[in-house]
Amino acid sequence: MSKILKEFYGVGILFFYYMKYIILIGWPLLLYGLEYKPNIIMDILWVYCLALVTKDLIFRFVLKRSHCDAASQCHTTSGKPKKP
């Protein structure tokens, strides 16, 4: 059971990592520009994507944090610490 939940979690992360901006911009464009019928599922996804983008902006500009901390050496290309 936990493997299935981890699978759904991974799929959700990948889906929203790539699709959040497309959904955030595209759904209002389809709804108001091309006169699509309102859909409650897409409305919920749009609000969730708005929350994710807001969180990303707050982390990047207000808190000035990254998903990579300074001690993990993820900013170097070789992974090895540079010697002075």
Protein backbone atom coordinates (compact mmCIF):
# COMPACT_ATOMS: atom_id res chain seq x y z
CA MET A 1 0.00 0.00 0.00
CA SER A 2 2.78 2.46 0.84
CA LYS A 3 4.47 1.75 -2.51
CA ILE A 4 1.28 2.78 -4.32
CA LEU A 5 1.05 5.98 -2.28
CA LYS A 6 4.69 6.78 -3.04
CA GLU A 7 3.96 6.19 -6.73
CA PHE A 8 1.02 8.63 -6.65
CA TYR A 9 3.13 11.16 -4.76
CA GLY A 10 5.91 10.94 -7.36
CA VAL A 11 3.49 11.26 -10.25
CA GLY A 12 1.86 14.26 -8.59
CA ILE A 13 5.19 15.99 -8.09
CA LEU A 14 6.22 15.48 -11.70
CA PHE A 15 2.83 16.48 -13.06
CA PHE A 16 2.56 19.70 -11.11
CA TYR A 17 6.25 20.58 -11.59
CA TYR A 18 5.78 20.74 -15.35
CA MET A 19 2.10 21.62 -15.65
CA LYS A 20 1.47 24.27 -12.99
CA TYR A 21 2.28 27.25 -15.20
CA ILE A 22 0.39 25.83 -18.17
CA ILE A 23 -2.71 25.24 -16.04
CA LEU A 24 -2.37 28.60 -14.28
CA ILE A 25 -2.25 30.55 -17.54
CA GLY A 26 -4.17 28.22 -19.84
CA TRP A 27 -7.35 27.58 -17.87
CA PRO A 28 -8.46 31.24 -17.63
CA LEU A 29 -7.52 31.65 -21.29
CA LEU A 30 -9.71 28.69 -22.26
CA LEU A 31 -12.49 29.71 -19.90
CA TYR A 32 -12.79 33.37 -20.85
CA GLY A 33 -11.02 33.65 -24.19
CA LEU A 34 -12.38 30.54 -25.91
CA GLU A 35 -15.60 30.26 -23.87
CA TYR A 36 -15.10 26.74 -22.49
CA LYS A 37 -17.72 25.52 -20.04
CA PRO A 38 -16.76 25.83 -16.35
CA ASN A 39 -15.37 22.63 -14.83
CA ILE A 40 -15.08 22.20 -11.07
CA ILE A 41 -12.13 19.79 -11.32
CA MET A 42 -10.11 22.23 -13.41
CA ASP A 43 -11.09 25.04 -11.05
CA ILE A 44 -9.69 23.05 -8.11
CA LEU A 45 -6.51 22.23 -10.06
CA TRP A 46 -6.14 25.90 -10.98
CA VAL A 47 -6.39 26.99 -7.34
CA TYR A 48 -3.86 24.31 -6.35
CA CYS A 49 -1.46 25.48 -9.08
CA LEU A 50 -1.91 29.07 -7.93
CA ALA A 51 -0.95 28.00 -4.41
CA LEU A 52 2.13 26.16 -5.73
CA VAL A 53 3.31 29.13 -7.79
CA THR A 54 2.71 31.47 -4.83
CA LYS A 55 4.75 29.16 -2.61
CA ASP A 56 7.56 29.10 -5.18
CA LEU A 57 7.61 32.89 -5.43
CA ILE A 58 7.63 33.30 -1.64
CA PHE A 59 10.47 30.80 -1.25
CA ARG A 60 12.50 32.34 -4.07
CA PHE A 61 12.09 36.06 -3.42
CA VAL A 62 10.89 36.59 0.15
CA LEU A 63 12.63 33.83 2.07
CA LYS A 64 15.50 33.55 -0.46
CA ARG A 65 15.64 29.78 -0.04
CA SER A 66 16.32 27.09 -2.55
CA HIS A 67 15.45 23.43 -2.68
CA CYS A 68 19.21 22.86 -2.43
CA ASP A 69 20.93 23.89 0.77
CA ALA A 70 24.48 25.26 0.89
CA ALA A 71 26.00 22.20 2.57
CA SER A 72 24.92 19.69 -0.06
CA GLN A 73 27.40 20.72 -2.80
CA CYS A 74 24.69 20.76 -5.46
CA HIS A 75 25.94 24.03 -6.96
CA THR A 76 29.20 22.51 -8.15
CA THR A 77 29.41 20.53 -11.35
CA SER A 78 31.71 17.75 -10.19
CA GLY A 79 30.22 17.24 -6.75
CA LYS A 80 33.65 17.58 -5.15
CA PRO A 81 34.50 20.59 -3.00
CA LYS A 82 36.92 23.03 -4.59
CA LYS A 83 40.35 23.19 -3.02
CA PRO A 84 41.87 26.62 -2.34
